[in-house]
């Protein structure tokens, strides 16, 4: 049980990749704090895994700081995120832009800023950010989501560089087409879908959230002790196209 004794915080833990992470980390012996804005969907995750459930809105600084106000955190997984319905930039409203940025960028920023002093004081830690295939290209999502995931990758590399000498590692995973409800919660933008449709044939069969959690478990473990500032694609070869 390679994560035995580790205290791990996972945001966006009520469904999809976050839920799979909680299950995998708990099975590997970690003490898991499962955070999500949706209390109703979070409850069964906690009941199933023994994780500590915490209702948290990652777009709210005070909520994030309350989540991380605890004696010890060995690993922070900034996983919470939302899509943007493939909306091209000309049609991105101020409201959509701010909502995507507040959850996908501000949330990890608040959480990482809150946890770094604790990790420095305790002699180290690990931060794992859930980016996306959209962090590595321009045509995997809409404008707001693509910009947000590029920004999160920049945060990842900056933290890795600045805090490596404090025994803190920061990496990212880049899931591709994963079977989660995240992809089906809202209808896609008509123009964005039309632009994207010719490339559907290049998308590999959808992967399972558990496959992403397996990679995450490796990156936060001591087996990845010399991996820092990297983004690891979990996309079935999608970005190879």
Protein backbone atom coordinates (compact mmCIF):
# COMPACT_ATOMS: atom_id res chain seq x y z
CA UNK A 1 0.00 0.00 0.00
CA UNK A 2 2.23 2.72 -1.37
CA UNK A 3 0.20 5.64 -0.01
CA UNK A 4 -0.05 4.30 3.54
CA UNK A 5 0.02 7.14 6.05
CA UNK A 6 -0.33 9.91 3.46
CA UNK A 7 -2.91 12.64 3.98
CA UNK A 8 -4.37 13.52 0.59
CA UNK A 9 -6.83 16.24 -0.39
CA UNK A 10 -8.78 15.73 -3.63
CA UNK A 11 -11.02 18.44 -5.05
CA UNK A 12 -13.84 17.65 -7.47
CA UNK A 13 -14.14 14.36 -5.59
CA UNK A 14 -17.86 13.64 -6.02
CA UNK A 15 -17.72 12.21 -9.53
CA UNK A 16 -15.60 11.21 -12.50
CA UNK A 17 -11.83 11.34 -12.17
CA UNK A 18 -11.98 12.83 -8.68
CA UNK A 19 -14.14 10.00 -7.39
CA UNK A 20 -11.83 7.44 -9.00
CA UNK A 21 -8.85 9.12 -7.33
CA UNK A 22 -10.49 8.95 -3.91
CA UNK A 23 -11.25 5.26 -4.37
CA UNK A 24 -7.73 4.42 -5.57
CA UNK A 25 -5.91 6.47 -2.93
CA UNK A 26 -8.04 5.09 -0.11
CA UNK A 27 -7.44 1.54 -1.36
CA UNK A 28 -3.71 2.28 -1.31
CA UNK A 29 -3.85 3.16 2.38
CA UNK A 30 -4.09 6.94 2.33
CA UNK A 31 -6.20 9.15 4.55
CA UNK A 32 -8.29 11.01 1.98
CA UNK A 33 -10.15 14.29 2.31
CA UNK A 34 -12.75 14.34 -0.47
CA UNK A 35 -13.87 17.87 -1.36
CA UNK A 36 -16.66 18.91 -3.69
CA UNK A 37 -19.31 21.61 -4.03
CA UNK A 38 -22.05 18.97 -4.40
CA UNK A 39 -22.77 17.57 -0.92
CA UNK A 40 -25.41 15.13 -2.18
CA UNK A 41 -23.09 13.39 -4.62
CA UNK A 42 -20.15 13.58 -2.23
CA UNK A 43 -21.86 11.63 0.57
CA UNK A 44 -21.86 8.21 -1.15
CA UNK A 45 -18.22 8.61 -2.16
CA UNK A 46 -17.29 9.16 1.47
CA UNK A 47 -19.46 6.28 2.63
CA UNK A 48 -17.93 3.92 0.07
CA UNK A 49 -14.30 4.82 0.67
CA UNK A 50 -14.09 6.06 4.24
CA UNK A 51 -12.84 9.43 3.02
CA UNK A 52 -13.60 12.58 4.98
CA UNK A 53 -16.20 14.58 3.03
CA UNK A 54 -15.82 18.37 2.90
CA UNK A 55 -18.18 20.64 0.99
CA UNK A 56 -15.98 23.19 -0.74
CA UNK A 57 -16.44 25.71 -3.55
CA UNK A 58 -12.98 25.98 -5.08
CA UNK A 59 -13.84 29.30 -6.72
CA UNK A 60 -14.22 30.82 -3.24
CA UNK A 61 -10.93 31.62 -1.50
CA UNK A 62 -12.32 31.36 2.01
CA UNK A 63 -13.87 27.97 1.28
CA UNK A 64 -10.58 26.63 -0.06
CA UNK A 65 -8.57 27.98 2.85
CA UNK A 66 -11.01 26.37 5.28
CA UNK A 67 -10.59 23.05 3.48
CA UNK A 68 -6.81 23.20 3.88
CA UNK A 69 -6.78 24.48 7.44
CA UNK A 70 -5.64 21.19 8.95
CA UNK A 71 -2.51 19.91 10.72
CA UNK A 72 -1.00 18.11 7.76
CA UNK A 73 -1.46 17.63 4.03
CA UNK A 74 1.04 15.42 2.21
CA UNK A 75 -0.62 15.57 -1.21
CA UNK A 76 -2.94 18.07 -2.84
CA UNK A 77 -4.82 17.00 -5.97
CA UNK A 78 -6.31 20.02 -7.72
CA UNK A 79 -8.85 18.09 -9.75
CA UNK A 80 -12.06 20.17 -9.75
CA UNK A 81 -12.90 21.59 -13.15
CA UNK A 82 -15.65 22.44 -15.61
CA UNK A 83 -15.94 22.46 -19.41
CA UNK A 84 -17.01 25.33 -21.65
CA UNK A 85 -19.25 23.56 -24.18
CA UNK A 86 -16.69 23.96 -27.00
CA UNK A 87 -17.47 27.67 -27.19
CA UNK A 88 -15.30 29.63 -29.68
CA UNK A 89 -13.77 32.83 -28.35
CA UNK A 90 -16.03 35.24 -30.24
CA UNK A 91 -19.02 33.74 -28.45
CA UNK A 92 -17.52 33.47 -24.97
CA UNK A 93 -19.48 35.66 -22.57
CA UNK A 94 -17.88 37.42 -19.63
CA UNK A 95 -19.88 35.11 -17.36
CA UNK A 96 -18.63 31.92 -19.05
CA UNK A 97 -15.03 33.14 -19.07
CA UNK A 98 -15.07 34.05 -15.39
CA UNK A 99 -16.83 30.84 -14.35
CA UNK A 100 -14.33 28.62 -16.19
CA UNK A 101 -11.35 30.60 -14.93
CA UNK A 102 -12.63 30.79 -11.35
CA UNK A 103 -12.94 27.03 -11.02
CA UNK A 104 -10.16 25.79 -13.32
CA UNK A 105 -7.46 28.36 -12.47
CA UNK A 106 -8.42 30.36 -9.38
CA UNK A 107 -9.30 27.19 -7.45
CA UNK A 108 -5.91 25.50 -7.91
CA UNK A 109 -4.21 28.84 -7.23
CA UNK A 110 -6.05 29.33 -3.93
CA UNK A 111 -5.42 25.74 -2.86
CA UNK A 112 -1.76 25.65 -3.81
CA UNK A 113 -1.07 28.98 -2.17
CA UNK A 114 -2.77 27.77 1.00
CA UNK A 115 -0.92 24.45 1.18
CA UNK A 116 2.61 25.54 0.28
CA UNK A 117 3.54 27.07 3.67
CA UNK A 118 2.37 23.89 5.40
CA UNK A 119 4.35 21.67 3.03
CA UNK A 120 7.46 23.80 3.47
CA UNK A 121 7.13 23.62 7.25
CA UNK A 122 6.66 19.84 7.28
CA UNK A 123 9.60 19.24 4.97
CA UNK A 124 7.90 18.52 1.66
CA UNK A 125 4.81 17.43 -0.21
CA UNK A 126 3.29 16.71 -3.59
CA UNK A 127 0.86 18.73 -5.70
CA UNK A 128 -0.90 17.14 -8.67
CA UNK A 129 -2.97 19.24 -11.06
CA UNK A 130 -5.56 17.80 -13.41
CA UNK A 131 -4.91 19.58 -16.68
CA UNK A 132 -6.24 18.17 -19.95
CA UNK A 133 -5.30 17.31 -23.49
CA UNK A 134 -6.47 20.89 -24.05
CA UNK A 135 -3.38 22.09 -22.14
CA UNK A 136 -1.22 20.78 -24.99
CA UNK A 137 -3.07 21.99 -28.07
CA UNK A 138 -5.57 24.53 -29.33
CA UNK A 139 -8.28 22.28 -30.69
CA UNK A 140 -9.39 19.99 -27.88
CA UNK A 141 -11.98 22.31 -26.26
CA UNK A 142 -13.40 25.82 -26.35
CA UNK A 143 -11.39 29.00 -25.82
CA UNK A 144 -11.98 29.49 -22.09
CA UNK A 145 -11.25 25.89 -21.13
CA UNK A 146 -8.16 25.75 -23.36
CA UNK A 147 -6.80 28.97 -21.91
CA UNK A 148 -7.50 27.81 -18.37
CA UNK A 149 -5.72 24.49 -18.79
CA UNK A 150 -2.72 26.18 -20.43
CA UNK A 151 -2.61 28.50 -17.42
CA UNK A 152 -2.78 25.58 -14.99
CA UNK A 153 0.13 23.93 -16.76
CA UNK A 154 2.11 27.16 -16.32
CA UNK A 155 1.27 27.18 -12.62
CA UNK A 156 2.41 23.56 -12.39
CA UNK A 157 5.82 24.24 -13.89
CA UNK A 158 6.33 27.43 -11.91
CA UNK A 159 5.60 25.73 -8.59
CA UNK A 160 7.83 22.79 -9.55
CA UNK A 161 10.73 25.11 -10.29
CA UNK A 162 10.38 27.46 -7.34
CA UNK A 163 9.83 24.87 -4.61
CA UNK A 164 11.86 21.84 -5.68
CA UNK A 165 14.56 22.76 -3.16
CA UNK A 166 11.89 22.59 -0.43
CA UNK A 167 11.24 18.92 -1.32
CA UNK A 168 7.95 19.80 -3.01
CA UNK A 169 7.03 18.21 -6.33
CA UNK A 170 4.33 19.54 -8.63
CA UNK A 171 3.16 17.64 -11.71
CA UNK A 172 0.10 17.49 -13.94
CA UNK A 173 -1.92 14.85 -15.69
CA UNK A 174 -3.55 15.49 -19.05
CA UNK A 175 -6.60 13.26 -19.50
CA UNK A 176 -8.03 12.89 -22.96
CA UNK A 177 -11.49 11.56 -23.74
CA UNK A 178 -12.57 9.98 -20.47
CA UNK A 179 -16.03 8.53 -19.84
CA UNK A 180 -17.46 10.86 -17.20
CA UNK A 181 -20.65 12.88 -16.82
CA UNK A 182 -18.58 16.05 -17.20
CA UNK A 183 -18.90 15.73 -20.97
CA UNK A 184 -22.70 15.44 -21.02
CA UNK A 185 -23.97 18.09 -18.60
CA UNK A 186 -24.68 20.73 -21.23
CA UNK A 187 -25.25 20.89 -24.95
CA UNK A 188 -22.16 21.89 -26.95
CA UNK A 189 -21.94 25.17 -28.81
CA UNK A 190 -23.29 24.60 -32.33
CA UNK A 191 -20.39 26.33 -34.06
CA UNK A 192 -17.80 24.72 -31.85
CA UNK A 193 -19.26 21.29 -32.50
CA UNK A 194 -19.31 21.88 -36.24
CA UNK A 195 -15.63 22.84 -36.18
CA UNK A 196 -14.74 19.88 -33.99
CA UNK A 197 -16.84 17.18 -35.70
CA UNK A 198 -14.45 16.37 -38.58
CA UNK A 199 -11.84 15.33 -36.04
CA UNK A 200 -14.00 12.89 -34.07
CA UNK A 201 -12.37 10.03 -35.93
CA UNK A 202 -9.01 10.94 -34.38
CA UNK A 203 -10.29 10.50 -30.81
CA UNK A 204 -9.38 7.10 -29.33
CA UNK A 205 -12.08 5.08 -27.58
CA UNK A 206 -13.01 6.79 -24.33
CA UNK A 207 -10.92 5.76 -21.36
CA UNK A 208 -12.03 5.01 -17.81
CA UNK A 209 -11.63 7.42 -14.91
CA UNK A 210 -9.89 4.62 -13.02
CA UNK A 211 -7.10 4.61 -15.61
CA UNK A 212 -6.41 8.28 -14.85
CA UNK A 213 -6.50 7.56 -11.11
CA UNK A 214 -3.90 4.82 -11.59
CA UNK A 215 -1.52 7.31 -13.19
CA UNK A 216 -2.26 9.86 -10.47
CA UNK A 217 -1.45 7.28 -7.80
CA UNK A 218 1.96 6.76 -9.37
CA UNK A 219 2.76 10.46 -9.65
CA UNK A 220 1.93 11.23 -6.03
CA UNK A 221 3.81 8.19 -4.72
CA UNK A 222 7.47 7.90 -3.81
CA UNK A 223 7.93 5.84 -6.99
CA UNK A 224 7.81 9.19 -8.84
CA UNK A 225 10.21 10.93 -6.44
CA UNK A 226 12.37 12.26 -9.33
CA UNK A 227 9.44 13.43 -11.47
CA UNK A 228 8.81 17.16 -11.14
CA UNK A 229 7.30 19.81 -13.40
CA UNK A 230 5.96 17.25 -15.87
CA UNK A 231 2.61 16.80 -17.60
CA UNK A 232 1.71 13.20 -18.31
CA UNK A 233 -0.89 12.51 -20.98
CA UNK A 234 -3.49 9.85 -20.22
CA UNK A 235 -5.29 9.96 -23.54
CA UNK A 236 -4.84 6.70 -25.41
CA UNK A 237 -2.42 8.40 -27.81
CA UNK A 238 -4.77 11.25 -28.79
CA UNK A 239 -2.09 13.94 -28.62
CA UNK A 240 0.19 11.80 -30.74
CA UNK A 241 -2.08 12.62 -33.68
